[in-house]
PDB file of N, CA and C in Angstrom:
ATOM      1  N   UNK A   1      -7.411 -15.835  -7.660  1.00  0.00           N
ATOM      2  CA  UNK A   1      -7.868 -14.501  -7.374  1.00  0.00           C
ATOM      3  C   UNK A   1      -6.937 -13.500  -8.046  1.00  0.00           C
ATOM      4  N   UNK A   2      -7.498 -12.410  -8.495  1.00  0.00           N
ATOM      5  CA  UNK A   2      -6.742 -11.368  -9.185  1.00  0.00           C
ATOM      6  C   UNK A   2      -7.129 -10.008  -8.625  1.00  0.00           C
ATOM      7  N   UNK A   3      -6.144  -9.250  -8.108  1.00  0.00           N
ATOM      8  CA  UNK A   3      -6.404  -7.882  -7.665  1.00  0.00           C
ATOM      9  C   UNK A   3      -6.526  -6.995  -8.892  1.00  0.00           C
ATOM     10  N   UNK A   4      -7.597  -6.233  -8.977  1.00  0.00           N
ATOM     11  CA  UNK A   4      -7.785  -5.303 -10.095  1.00  0.00           C
ATOM     12  C   UNK A   4      -7.247  -3.915  -9.768  1.00  0.00           C
ATOM     13  N   UNK A   5      -7.710  -3.358  -8.636  1.00  0.00           N
ATOM     14  CA  UNK A   5      -7.300  -1.993  -8.293  1.00  0.00           C
ATOM     15  C   UNK A   5      -7.558  -1.698  -6.831  1.00  0.00           C
ATOM     16  N   UNK A   6      -6.825  -0.709  -6.331  1.00  0.00           N
ATOM     17  CA  UNK A   6      -7.076  -0.117  -5.029  1.00  0.00           C
ATOM     18  C   UNK A   6      -7.528   1.298  -5.319  1.00  0.00           C
ATOM     19  N   UNK A   7      -8.653   1.678  -4.770  1.00  0.00           N
ATOM     20  CA  UNK A   7      -9.201   2.992  -5.065  1.00  0.00           C
ATOM     21  C   UNK A   7      -9.425   3.809  -3.810  1.00  0.00           C
ATOM     22  N   UNK A   8      -9.231   5.099  -3.948  1.00  0.00           N
ATOM     23  CA  UNK A   8      -9.371   6.023  -2.830  1.00  0.00           C
ATOM     24  C   UNK A   8     -10.709   6.731  -2.924  1.00  0.00           C
ATOM     25  N   UNK A   9     -11.431   6.720  -1.819  1.00  0.00           N
ATOM     26  CA  UNK A   9     -12.670   7.470  -1.750  1.00  0.00           C
ATOM     27  C   UNK A   9     -12.393   8.832  -1.137  1.00  0.00           C
ATOM     28  N   UNK A  10     -12.356   8.867   0.194  1.00  0.00           N
ATOM     29  CA  UNK A  10     -12.237  10.136   0.902  1.00  0.00           C
ATOM     30  C   UNK A  10     -11.260   9.991   2.072  1.00  0.00           C
ATOM     31  N   UNK A  11     -10.448  11.024   2.284  1.00  0.00           N
ATOM     32  CA  UNK A  11      -9.630  11.200   3.498  1.00  0.00           C
ATOM     33  C   UNK A  11      -8.648  10.061   3.741  1.00  0.00           C
ATOM     34  N   UNK A  12      -7.974   9.608   2.701  1.00  0.00           N
ATOM     35  CA  UNK A  12      -6.950   8.579   2.842  1.00  0.00           C
ATOM     36  C   UNK A  12      -5.599   9.221   2.534  1.00  0.00           C
ATOM     37  N   UNK A  13      -4.786   9.368   3.563  1.00  0.00           N
ATOM     38  CA  UNK A  13      -3.487  10.022   3.421  1.00  0.00           C
ATOM     39  C   UNK A  13      -3.686  11.337   2.659  1.00  0.00           C
ATOM     40  N   UNK A  14      -2.783  11.652   1.752  1.00  0.00           N
ATOM     41  CA  UNK A  14      -2.954  12.839   0.916  1.00  0.00           C
ATOM     42  C   UNK A  14      -3.298  12.437  -0.510  1.00  0.00           C
ATOM     43  N   UNK A  15      -3.854  11.245  -0.669  1.00  0.00           N
ATOM     44  CA  UNK A  15      -4.232  10.765  -1.998  1.00  0.00           C
ATOM     45  C   UNK A  15      -5.479  11.501  -2.472  1.00  0.00           C
ATOM     46  N   UNK A  16      -5.514  11.832  -3.738  1.00  0.00           N
ATOM     47  CA  UNK A  16      -6.652  12.553  -4.298  1.00  0.00           C
ATOM     48  C   UNK A  16      -7.878  11.644  -4.349  1.00  0.00           C
ATOM     49  N   UNK A  17      -9.029  12.211  -4.026  1.00  0.00           N
ATOM     50  CA  UNK A  17     -10.270  11.443  -4.097  1.00  0.00           C
ATOM     51  C   UNK A  17     -10.463  10.919  -5.515  1.00  0.00           C
ATOM     52  N   UNK A  18     -10.857   9.659  -5.602  1.00  0.00           N
ATOM     53  CA  UNK A  18     -11.103   9.056  -6.898  1.00  0.00           C
ATOM     54  C   UNK A  18      -9.883   8.450  -7.554  1.00  0.00           C
ATOM     55  N   UNK A  19      -8.693   8.615  -6.951  1.00  0.00           N
ATOM     56  CA  UNK A  19      -7.478   8.015  -7.510  1.00  0.00           C
ATOM     57  C   UNK A  19      -7.558   6.500  -7.426  1.00  0.00           C
ATOM     58  N   UNK A  20      -6.923   5.822  -8.379  1.00  0.00           N
ATOM     59  CA  UNK A  20      -6.897   4.365  -8.373  1.00  0.00           C
ATOM     60  C   UNK A  20      -5.504   3.874  -8.747  1.00  0.00           C
ATOM     61  N   UNK A  21      -5.106   2.805  -8.102  1.00  0.00           N
ATOM     62  CA  UNK A  21      -3.880   2.104  -8.445  1.00  0.00           C
ATOM     63  C   UNK A  21      -4.312   0.804  -9.098  1.00  0.00           C
ATOM     64  N   UNK A  22      -4.015   0.643 -10.376  1.00  0.00           N
ATOM     65  CA  UNK A  22      -4.444  -0.548 -11.115  1.00  0.00           C
ATOM     66  C   UNK A  22      -3.318  -1.566 -11.171  1.00  0.00           C
ATOM     67  N   UNK A  23      -3.696  -2.836 -11.159  1.00  0.00           N
ATOM     68  CA  UNK A  23      -2.739  -3.932 -11.194  1.00  0.00           C
ATOM     69  C   UNK A  23      -2.809  -4.643 -12.539  1.00  0.00           C
ATOM     70  N   UNK A  24      -1.646  -5.104 -13.014  1.00  0.00           N
ATOM     71  CA  UNK A  24      -1.583  -5.848 -14.276  1.00  0.00           C
ATOM     72  C   UNK A  24      -2.265  -7.208 -14.104  1.00  0.00           C
ATOM     73  N   UNK A  25      -2.897  -7.690 -15.166  1.00  0.00           N
ATOM     74  CA  UNK A  25      -3.558  -8.997 -15.099  1.00  0.00           C
ATOM     75  C   UNK A  25      -2.551 -10.138 -15.108  1.00  0.00           C
ATOM     76  N   UNK A  26      -1.406  -9.904 -15.701  1.00  0.00           N
ATOM     77  CA  UNK A  26      -0.348 -10.921 -15.701  1.00  0.00           C
ATOM     78  C   UNK A  26       0.954 -10.255 -15.302  1.00  0.00           C
ATOM     79  N   UNK A  27       1.869 -11.048 -14.812  1.00  0.00           N
ATOM     80  CA  UNK A  27       3.171 -10.510 -14.444  1.00  0.00           C
ATOM     81  C   UNK A  27       3.151  -9.809 -13.104  1.00  0.00           C
ATOM     82  N   UNK A  28       4.022  -8.861 -12.974  1.00  0.00           N
ATOM     83  CA  UNK A  28       4.256  -8.167 -11.721  1.00  0.00           C
ATOM     84  C   UNK A  28       3.946  -6.684 -11.884  1.00  0.00           C
ATOM     85  N   UNK A  29       3.236  -6.114 -10.937  1.00  0.00           N
ATOM     86  CA  UNK A  29       2.989  -4.675 -10.948  1.00  0.00           C
ATOM     87  C   UNK A  29       3.981  -4.030  -9.995  1.00  0.00           C
ATOM     88  N   UNK A  30       4.779  -3.118 -10.497  1.00  0.00           N
ATOM     89  CA  UNK A  30       5.765  -2.409  -9.679  1.00  0.00           C
ATOM     90  C   UNK A  30       5.286  -0.975  -9.498  1.00  0.00           C
ATOM     91  N   UNK A  31       5.262  -0.538  -8.255  1.00  0.00           N
ATOM     92  CA  UNK A  31       4.815   0.818  -7.935  1.00  0.00           C
ATOM     93  C   UNK A  31       6.043   1.625  -7.525  1.00  0.00           C
ATOM     94  N   UNK A  32       6.299   2.707  -8.222  1.00  0.00           N
ATOM     95  CA  UNK A  32       7.433   3.554  -7.902  1.00  0.00           C
ATOM     96  C   UNK A  32       7.039   5.003  -8.157  1.00  0.00           C
ATOM     97  N   UNK A  33       7.810   5.913  -7.608  1.00  0.00           N
ATOM     98  CA  UNK A  33       7.545   7.330  -7.822  1.00  0.00           C
ATOM     99  C   UNK A  33       8.331   8.183  -6.852  1.00  0.00           C
ATOM    100  N   UNK A  34       8.166   9.480  -6.999  1.00  0.00           N
ATOM    101  CA  UNK A  34       8.849  10.445  -6.145  1.00  0.00           C
ATOM    102  C   UNK A  34       8.325  10.360  -4.717  1.00  0.00           C
ATOM    103  N   UNK A  35       9.094  10.912  -3.784  1.00  0.00           N
ATOM    104  CA  UNK A  35       8.624  11.018  -2.406  1.00  0.00           C
ATOM    105  C   UNK A  35       7.320  11.805  -2.392  1.00  0.00           C
ATOM    106  N   UNK A  36       6.374  11.336  -1.601  1.00  0.00           N
ATOM    107  CA  UNK A  36       5.099  12.033  -1.483  1.00  0.00           C
ATOM    108  C   UNK A  36       4.134  11.772  -2.623  1.00  0.00           C
ATOM    109  N   UNK A  37       4.419  10.779  -3.463  1.00  0.00           N
ATOM    110  CA  UNK A  37       3.533  10.526  -4.612  1.00  0.00           C
ATOM    111  C   UNK A  37       2.406   9.551  -4.300  1.00  0.00           C
ATOM    112  N   UNK A  38       2.407   8.933  -3.108  1.00  0.00           N
ATOM    113  CA  UNK A  38       1.294   8.076  -2.718  1.00  0.00           C
ATOM    114  C   UNK A  38       1.612   6.605  -2.567  1.00  0.00           C
ATOM    115  N   UNK A  39       2.846   6.212  -2.770  1.00  0.00           N
ATOM    116  CA  UNK A  39       3.213   4.801  -2.682  1.00  0.00           C
ATOM    117  C   UNK A  39       2.867   4.214  -1.314  1.00  0.00           C
ATOM    118  N   UNK A  40       3.265   4.871  -0.266  1.00  0.00           N
ATOM    119  CA  UNK A  40       3.020   4.363   1.086  1.00  0.00           C
ATOM    120  C   UNK A  40       1.538   4.366   1.429  1.00  0.00           C
ATOM    121  N   UNK A  41       0.808   5.346   0.944  1.00  0.00           N
ATOM    122  CA  UNK A  41      -0.637   5.395   1.194  1.00  0.00           C
ATOM    123  C   UNK A  41      -1.345   4.194   0.603  1.00  0.00           C
ATOM    124  N   UNK A  42      -0.988   3.854  -0.625  1.00  0.00           N
ATOM    125  CA  UNK A  42      -1.580   2.665  -1.235  1.00  0.00           C
ATOM    126  C   UNK A  42      -1.116   1.398  -0.530  1.00  0.00           C
ATOM    127  N   UNK A  43       0.138   1.364  -0.109  1.00  0.00           N
ATOM    128  CA  UNK A  43       0.649   0.195   0.612  1.00  0.00           C
ATOM    129  C   UNK A  43      -0.126  -0.010   1.907  1.00  0.00           C
ATOM    130  N   UNK A  44      -0.410   1.066   2.634  1.00  0.00           N
ATOM    131  CA  UNK A  44      -1.188   0.949   3.871  1.00  0.00           C
ATOM    132  C   UNK A  44      -2.595   0.435   3.588  1.00  0.00           C
ATOM    133  N   UNK A  45      -3.201   0.936   2.529  1.00  0.00           N
ATOM    134  CA  UNK A  45      -4.542   0.473   2.154  1.00  0.00           C
ATOM    135  C   UNK A  45      -4.526  -1.009   1.811  1.00  0.00           C
ATOM    136  N   UNK A  46      -3.561  -1.424   1.008  1.00  0.00           N
ATOM    137  CA  UNK A  46      -3.471  -2.839   0.643  1.00  0.00           C
ATOM    138  C   UNK A  46      -3.171  -3.710   1.861  1.00  0.00           C
ATOM    139  N   UNK A  47      -2.292  -3.234   2.715  1.00  0.00           N
ATOM    140  CA  UNK A  47      -1.956  -3.997   3.919  1.00  0.00           C
ATOM    141  C   UNK A  47      -3.197  -4.209   4.776  1.00  0.00           C
ATOM    142  N   UNK A  48      -4.035  -3.202   4.871  1.00  0.00           N
ATOM    143  CA  UNK A  48      -5.257  -3.307   5.664  1.00  0.00           C
ATOM    144  C   UNK A  48      -6.235  -4.305   5.050  1.00  0.00           C
ATOM    145  N   UNK A  49      -6.263  -4.408   3.728  1.00  0.00           N
ATOM    146  CA  UNK A  49      -7.272  -5.239   3.068  1.00  0.00           C
ATOM    147  C   UNK A  49      -6.886  -6.707   2.934  1.00  0.00           C
ATOM    148  N   UNK A  50      -5.586  -7.008   2.984  1.00  0.00           N
ATOM    149  CA  UNK A  50      -5.139  -8.389   2.766  1.00  0.00           C
ATOM    150  C   UNK A  50      -4.504  -8.957   4.034  1.00  0.00           C
ATOM    151  N   UNK A  51      -3.846 -10.083   3.890  1.00  0.00           N
ATOM    152  CA  UNK A  51      -3.225 -10.753   5.023  1.00  0.00           C
ATOM    153  C   UNK A  51      -1.799 -10.250   5.203  1.00  0.00           C
ATOM    154  N   UNK A  52      -1.618  -9.312   6.118  1.00  0.00           N
ATOM    155  CA  UNK A  52      -0.285  -8.771   6.400  1.00  0.00           C
ATOM    156  C   UNK A  52       0.110  -9.147   7.818  1.00  0.00           C
ATOM    157  N   UNK A  53       1.374  -9.354   8.010  1.00  0.00           N
ATOM    158  CA  UNK A  53       1.878  -9.759   9.330  1.00  0.00           C
ATOM    159  C   UNK A  53       1.671  -8.656  10.371  1.00  0.00           C
ATOM    160  N   UNK A  54       1.760  -7.414   9.929  1.00  0.00           N
ATOM    161  CA  UNK A  54       1.588  -6.275  10.840  1.00  0.00           C
ATOM    162  C   UNK A  54       0.630  -5.276  10.204  1.00  0.00           C
ATOM    163  N   UNK A  55      -0.393  -4.881  10.948  1.00  0.00           N
ATOM    164  CA  UNK A  55      -1.354  -3.902  10.458  1.00  0.00           C
ATOM    165  C   UNK A  55      -0.842  -2.500  10.768  1.00  0.00           C
ATOM    166  N   UNK A  56      -1.327  -1.530  10.022  1.00  0.00           N
ATOM    167  CA  UNK A  56      -0.929  -0.145  10.244  1.00  0.00           C
ATOM    168  C   UNK A  56      -2.155   0.747  10.232  1.00  0.00           C
ATOM    169  N   UNK A  57      -1.985   1.912  10.811  1.00  0.00           N
ATOM    170  CA  UNK A  57      -3.050   2.912  10.778  1.00  0.00           C
ATOM    171  C   UNK A  57      -3.055   3.584   9.411  1.00  0.00           C
ATOM    172  N   UNK A  58      -4.240   3.781   8.871  1.00  0.00           N
ATOM    173  CA  UNK A  58      -4.367   4.529   7.620  1.00  0.00           C
ATOM    174  C   UNK A  58      -4.626   5.976   8.009  1.00  0.00           C
ATOM    175  N   UNK A  59      -3.666   6.811   7.709  1.00  0.00           N
ATOM    176  CA  UNK A  59      -3.718   8.213   8.124  1.00  0.00           C
ATOM    177  C   UNK A  59      -4.757   8.996   7.325  1.00  0.00           C
ATOM    178  N   UNK A  60      -5.224  10.056   7.935  1.00  0.00           N
ATOM    179  CA  UNK A  60      -6.105  10.999   7.251  1.00  0.00           C
ATOM    180  C   UNK A  60      -5.246  11.931   6.406  1.00  0.00           C
ATOM    181  N   UNK A  61      -5.876  12.693   5.582  1.00  0.00           N
ATOM    182  CA  UNK A  61      -5.177  13.700   4.799  1.00  0.00           C
ATOM    183  C   UNK A  61      -4.766  14.829   5.750  1.00  0.00           C
ATOM    184  N   UNK A  62      -3.485  14.972   5.986  1.00  0.00           N
ATOM    185  CA  UNK A  62      -2.980  15.975   6.914  1.00  0.00           C
ATOM    186  C   UNK A  62      -3.175  17.409   6.445  1.00  0.00           C
ATOM    187  N   UNK A  63      -3.461  17.595   5.162  1.00  0.00           N
ATOM    188  CA  UNK A  63      -3.652  18.949   4.619  1.00  0.00           C
ATOM    189  C   UNK A  63      -5.119  19.367   4.596  1.00  0.00           C
ATOM    190  N   UNK A  64      -6.020  18.425   4.854  1.00  0.00           N
ATOM    191  CA  UNK A  64      -7.450  18.714   4.822  1.00  0.00           C
ATOM    192  C   UNK A  64      -7.901  19.121   6.217  1.00  0.00           C
ATOM    193  N   UNK A  65      -8.387  20.333   6.356  1.00  0.00           N
ATOM    194  CA  UNK A  65      -8.820  20.842   7.663  1.00  0.00           C
ATOM    195  C   UNK A  65     -10.149  20.232   8.117  1.00  0.00           C
ATOM    196  N   UNK A  66     -10.920  19.670   7.198  1.00  0.00           N
ATOM    197  CA  UNK A  66     -12.212  19.069   7.528  1.00  0.00           C
ATOM    198  C   UNK A  66     -11.997  17.638   8.017  1.00  0.00           C
ATOM    199  N   UNK A  67     -11.966  17.462   9.331  1.00  0.00           N
ATOM    200  CA  UNK A  67     -11.736  16.138   9.913  1.00  0.00           C
ATOM    201  C   UNK A  67     -13.033  15.362  10.128  1.00  0.00           C
ATOM    202  N   UNK A  68     -14.167  15.913   9.692  1.00  0.00           N
ATOM    203  CA  UNK A  68     -15.437  15.216   9.864  1.00  0.00           C
ATOM    204  C   UNK A  68     -15.686  14.178   8.771  1.00  0.00           C
ATOM    205  N   UNK A  69     -14.893  14.213   7.714  1.00  0.00           N
ATOM    206  CA  UNK A  69     -15.085  13.257   6.619  1.00  0.00           C
ATOM    207  C   UNK A  69     -14.719  11.846   7.079  1.00  0.00           C
ATOM    208  N   UNK A  70     -15.604  10.902   6.799  1.00  0.00           N
ATOM    209  CA  UNK A  70     -15.309   9.505   7.103  1.00  0.00           C
ATOM    210  C   UNK A  70     -14.379   8.950   6.035  1.00  0.00           C
ATOM    211  N   UNK A  71     -13.351   8.232   6.462  1.00  0.00           N
ATOM    212  CA  UNK A  71     -12.430   7.646   5.499  1.00  0.00           C
ATOM    213  C   UNK A  71     -13.141   6.585   4.669  1.00  0.00           C
ATOM    214  N   UNK A  72     -12.807   6.553   3.390  1.00  0.00           N
ATOM    215  CA  UNK A  72     -13.437   5.592   2.494  1.00  0.00           C
ATOM    216  C   UNK A  72     -12.433   5.165   1.436  1.00  0.00           C
ATOM    217  N   UNK A  73     -12.314   3.871   1.240  1.00  0.00           N
ATOM    218  CA  UNK A  73     -11.446   3.322   0.196  1.00  0.00           C
ATOM    219  C   UNK A  73     -11.957   1.931  -0.147  1.00  0.00           C
ATOM    220  N   UNK A  74     -11.449   1.392  -1.264  1.00  0.00           N
ATOM    221  CA  UNK A  74     -11.901   0.066  -1.678  1.00  0.00           C
ATOM    222  C   UNK A  74     -10.783  -0.662  -2.415  1.00  0.00           C
ATOM    223  N   UNK A  75     -10.905  -1.980  -2.417  1.00  0.00           N
ATOM    224  CA  UNK A  75     -10.026  -2.833  -3.206  1.00  0.00           C
ATOM    225  C   UNK A  75     -10.941  -3.704  -4.053  1.00  0.00           C
ATOM    226  N   UNK A  76     -10.721  -3.682  -5.370  1.00  0.00           N
ATOM    227  CA  UNK A  76     -11.528  -4.453  -6.305  1.00  0.00           C
ATOM    228  C   UNK A  76     -10.715  -5.654  -6.747  1.00  0.00           C
ATOM    229  N   UNK A  77     -11.349  -6.827  -6.730  1.00  0.00           N
ATOM    230  CA  UNK A  77     -10.650  -8.050  -7.110  1.00  0.00           C
ATOM    231  C   UNK A  77     -11.622  -9.032  -7.753  1.00  0.00           C
ATOM    232  N   UNK A  78     -11.066  -9.946  -8.522  1.00  0.00           N
ATOM    233  CA  UNK A  78     -11.856 -10.997  -9.160  1.00  0.00           C
ATOM    234  C   UNK A  78     -11.534 -12.320  -8.495  1.00  0.00           C
ATOM    235  N   UNK A  79     -12.560 -13.142  -8.370  1.00  0.00           N
ATOM    236  CA  UNK A  79     -12.361 -14.496  -7.867  1.00  0.00           C
ATOM    237  C   UNK A  79     -12.536 -15.460  -9.029  1.00  0.00           C
ATOM    238  N   UNK A  80     -12.124 -16.700  -8.833  1.00  0.00           N
ATOM    239  CA  UNK A  80     -12.258 -17.672  -9.912  1.00  0.00           C
ATOM    240  C   UNK A  80     -13.722 -17.771 -10.321  1.00  0.00           C
ATOM    241  N   UNK A  81     -13.939 -17.891 -11.607  1.00  0.00           N
ATOM    242  CA  UNK A  81     -15.294 -17.896 -12.126  1.00  0.00           C
ATOM    243  C   UNK A  81     -15.696 -16.534 -12.646  1.00  0.00           C
ATOM    244  N   UNK A  82     -14.835 -15.516 -12.442  1.00  0.00           N
ATOM    245  CA  UNK A  82     -15.065 -14.212 -13.035  1.00  0.00           C
ATOM    246  C   UNK A  82     -15.893 -13.242 -12.220  1.00  0.00           C
ATOM    247  N   UNK A  83     -16.281 -13.602 -11.009  1.00  0.00           N
ATOM    248  CA  UNK A  83     -17.093 -12.703 -10.194  1.00  0.00           C
ATOM    249  C   UNK A  83     -16.226 -11.593  -9.606  1.00  0.00           C
ATOM    250  N   UNK A  84     -16.552 -10.348  -9.892  1.00  0.00           N
ATOM    251  CA  UNK A  84     -15.818  -9.208  -9.336  1.00  0.00           C
ATOM    252  C   UNK A  84     -16.365  -8.894  -7.948  1.00  0.00           C
ATOM    253  N   UNK A  85     -15.454  -8.709  -7.002  1.00  0.00           N
ATOM    254  CA  UNK A  85     -15.808  -8.418  -5.619  1.00  0.00           C
ATOM    255  C   UNK A  85     -15.195  -7.070  -5.223  1.00  0.00           C
ATOM    256  N   UNK A  86     -15.776  -6.430  -4.221  1.00  0.00           N
ATOM    257  CA  UNK A  86     -15.244  -5.165  -3.709  1.00  0.00           C
ATOM    258  C   UNK A  86     -15.151  -5.259  -2.192  1.00  0.00           C
ATOM    259  N   UNK A  87     -13.953  -4.983  -1.670  1.00  0.00           N
ATOM    260  CA  UNK A  87     -13.761  -4.850  -0.238  1.00  0.00           C
ATOM    261  C   UNK A  87     -13.712  -3.367   0.064  1.00  0.00           C
ATOM    262  N   UNK A  88     -14.507  -2.923   1.038  1.00  0.00           N
ATOM    263  CA  UNK A  88     -14.514  -1.516   1.432  1.00  0.00           C
ATOM    264  C   UNK A  88     -13.842  -1.375   2.794  1.00  0.00           C
ATOM    265  N   UNK A  89     -13.141  -0.282   2.948  1.00  0.00           N
ATOM    266  CA  UNK A  89     -12.445  -0.015   4.203  1.00  0.00           C
ATOM    267  C   UNK A  89     -13.432  -0.085   5.363  1.00  0.00           C
ATOM    268  N   UNK A  90     -13.042  -0.781   6.413  1.00  0.00           N
ATOM    269  CA  UNK A  90     -13.901  -0.946   7.583  1.00  0.00           C
ATOM    270  C   UNK A  90     -14.671  -2.247   7.569  1.00  0.00           C
ATOM    271  N   UNK A  91     -14.728  -2.923   6.425  1.00  0.00           N
ATOM    272  CA  UNK A  91     -15.445  -4.193   6.332  1.00  0.00           C
ATOM    273  C   UNK A  91     -14.570  -5.322   6.861  1.00  0.00           C
ATOM    274  N   UNK A  92     -15.196  -6.444   7.159  1.00  0.00           N
ATOM    275  CA  UNK A  92     -14.450  -7.632   7.554  1.00  0.00           C
ATOM    276  C   UNK A  92     -13.564  -8.082   6.404  1.00  0.00           C
ATOM    277  N   UNK A  93     -12.488  -8.763   6.722  1.00  0.00           N
ATOM    278  CA  UNK A  93     -11.618  -9.300   5.682  1.00  0.00           C
ATOM    279  C   UNK A  93     -12.335 -10.425   4.946  1.00  0.00           C
ATOM    280  N   UNK A  94     -12.143 -10.488   3.660  1.00  0.00           N
ATOM    281  CA  UNK A  94     -12.753 -11.558   2.872  1.00  0.00           C
ATOM    282  C   UNK A  94     -11.829 -12.766   2.865  1.00  0.00           C
ATOM    283  N   UNK A  95     -12.395 -13.942   2.675  1.00  0.00           N
ATOM    284  CA  UNK A  95     -11.599 -15.172   2.608  1.00  0.00           C
ATOM    285  C   UNK A  95     -10.647 -15.118   1.421  1.00  0.00           C
ATOM    286  N   UNK A  96     -11.081 -14.518   0.327  1.00  0.00           N
ATOM    287  CA  UNK A  96     -10.229 -14.432  -0.863  1.00  0.00           C
ATOM    288  C   UNK A  96      -9.037 -13.502  -0.628  1.00  0.00           C
ATOM    289  N   UNK A  97      -9.284 -12.325  -0.073  1.00  0.00           N
ATOM    290  CA  UNK A  97      -8.183 -11.388   0.175  1.00  0.00           C
ATOM    291  C   UNK A  97      -7.241 -11.892   1.266  1.00  0.00           C
ATOM    292  N   UNK A  98      -7.744 -12.745   2.150  1.00  0.00           N
ATOM    293  CA  UNK A  98      -6.886 -13.313   3.190  1.00  0.00           C
ATOM    294  C   UNK A  98      -5.819 -14.224   2.597  1.00  0.00           C
ATOM    295  N   UNK A  99      -5.988 -14.650   1.351  1.00  0.00           N
ATOM    296  CA  UNK A  99      -4.998 -15.494   0.682  1.00  0.00           C
ATOM    297  C   UNK A  99      -3.817 -14.680   0.157  1.00  0.00           C
ATOM    298  N   UNK A 100      -3.976 -13.374   0.053  1.00  0.00           N
ATOM    299  CA  UNK A 100      -2.919 -12.501  -0.463  1.00  0.00           C
ATOM    300  C   UNK A 100      -1.959 -12.184   0.667  1.00  0.00           C
ATOM    301  N   UNK A 101      -0.682 -12.235   0.376  1.00  0.00           N
ATOM    302  CA  UNK A 101       0.334 -11.897   1.359  1.00  0.00           C
ATOM    303  C   UNK A 101       0.945 -10.546   1.011  1.00  0.00           C
ATOM    304  N   UNK A 102       1.190  -9.761   2.036  1.00  0.00           N
ATOM    305  CA  UNK A 102       1.804  -8.447   1.863  1.00  0.00           C
ATOM    306  C   UNK A 102       3.101  -8.457   2.640  1.00  0.00           C
ATOM    307  N   UNK A 103       4.160  -7.986   2.007  1.00  0.00           N
ATOM    308  CA  UNK A 103       5.456  -7.960   2.676  1.00  0.00           C
ATOM    309  C   UNK A 103       6.169  -6.651   2.379  1.00  0.00           C
ATOM    310  N   UNK A 104       6.627  -6.003   3.428  1.00  0.00           N
ATOM    311  CA  UNK A 104       7.502  -4.847   3.302  1.00  0.00           C
ATOM    312  C   UNK A 104       8.480  -4.876   4.472  1.00  0.00           C
ATOM    313  N   UNK A 105       9.273  -3.835   4.629  1.00  0.00           N
ATOM    314  CA  UNK A 105      10.302  -3.863   5.671  1.00  0.00           C
ATOM    315  C   UNK A 105       9.706  -3.945   7.077  1.00  0.00           C
ATOM    316  N   UNK A 106       8.556  -3.320   7.321  1.00  0.00           N
ATOM    317  CA  UNK A 106       7.933  -3.415   8.646  1.00  0.00           C
ATOM    318  C   UNK A 106       7.495  -4.837   8.944  1.00  0.00           C
ATOM    319  N   UNK A 107       6.912  -5.513   7.949  1.00  0.00           N
ATOM    320  CA  UNK A 107       6.522  -6.908   8.131  1.00  0.00           C
ATOM    321  C   UNK A 107       7.763  -7.759   8.388  1.00  0.00           C
ATOM    322  N   UNK A 108       8.851  -7.459   7.686  1.00  0.00           N
ATOM    323  CA  UNK A 108      10.099  -8.181   7.890  1.00  0.00           C
ATOM    324  C   UNK A 108      10.611  -8.034   9.308  1.00  0.00           C
ATOM    325  N   UNK A 109      10.538  -6.809   9.840  1.00  0.00           N
ATOM    326  CA  UNK A 109      10.966  -6.587  11.227  1.00  0.00           C
ATOM    327  C   UNK A 109      10.096  -7.380  12.194  1.00  0.00           C
ATOM    328  N   UNK A 110       8.811  -7.512  11.891  1.00  0.00           N
ATOM    329  CA  UNK A 110       7.913  -8.286  12.755  1.00  0.00           C
ATOM    330  C   UNK A 110       8.350  -9.743  12.794  1.00  0.00           C
ATOM    331  N   UNK A 111       8.671 -10.307  11.634  1.00  0.00           N
ATOM    332  CA  UNK A 111       9.154 -11.683  11.594  1.00  0.00           C
ATOM    333  C   UNK A 111      10.424 -11.841  12.433  1.00  0.00           C
ATOM    334  N   UNK A 112      11.359 -10.925  12.310  1.00  0.00           N
ATOM    335  CA  UNK A 112      12.619 -11.003  13.044  1.00  0.00           C
ATOM    336  C   UNK A 112      12.363 -10.846  14.547  1.00  0.00           C
ATOM    337  N   UNK A 113      11.526  -9.867  14.913  1.00  0.00           N
ATOM    338  CA  UNK A 113      11.234  -9.641  16.329  1.00  0.00           C
ATOM    339  C   UNK A 113      10.568 -10.851  16.961  1.00  0.00           C
ATOM    340  N   UNK A 114       9.613 -11.467  16.264  1.00  0.00           N
ATOM    341  CA  UNK A 114       8.928 -12.637  16.810  1.00  0.00           C
ATOM    342  C   UNK A 114       9.883 -13.819  16.923  1.00  0.00           C
ATOM    343  N   UNK A 115      10.740 -13.991  15.934  1.00  0.00           N
ATOM    344  CA  UNK A 115      11.712 -15.086  15.972  1.00  0.00           C
ATOM    345  C   UNK A 115      12.688 -14.888  17.137  1.00  0.00           C
ATOM    346  N   UNK A 116      13.111 -13.650  17.369  1.00  0.00           N
ATOM    347  CA  UNK A 116      14.050 -13.360  18.454  1.00  0.00           C
ATOM    348  C   UNK A 116      13.406 -13.581  19.813  1.00  0.00           C
ATOM    349  N   UNK A 117      12.139 -13.196  19.939  1.00  0.00           N
ATOM    350  CA  UNK A 117      11.431 -13.352  21.213  1.00  0.00           C
ATOM    351  C   UNK A 117      11.197 -14.827  21.522  1.00  0.00           C
ATOM    352  N   UNK A 118      10.995 -15.640  20.484  1.00  0.00           N
ATOM    353  CA  UNK A 118      10.732 -17.064  20.689  1.00  0.00           C
ATOM    354  C   UNK A 118      12.006 -17.834  21.032  1.00  0.00           C
ATOM    355  N   UNK A 119      13.158 -17.296  20.659  1.00  0.00           N
ATOM    356  CA  UNK A 119      14.424 -18.023  20.861  1.00  0.00           C
ATOM    357  C   UNK A 119      14.893 -17.980  22.289  1.00  0.00           C
TER     358      UNK A 119
END
């Protein structure tokens, strides 16, 4: 499986509608930028779509006064055989995306907390 992109539809953090985070077909994709540039927003979207140890809330755009907009985002990925698939926010997790692991400091704390509680 290959992740192609994470795309923003409407009301996802302060990310601009239509923005996309594209992933390299080979190697490692590194996401970096200034504070407030959208790194965490994309991380929350990816965490929601794949297999993460701890889920998070995907915030609305705090600067948008129109709270009636339904949140919309997608993750585009390819499966073996070349079939392109799209996961949309709010949909059930796909078997293919469940194979992807997401790790950040919050997930790390979850592992430590669970290990400590079990001991």
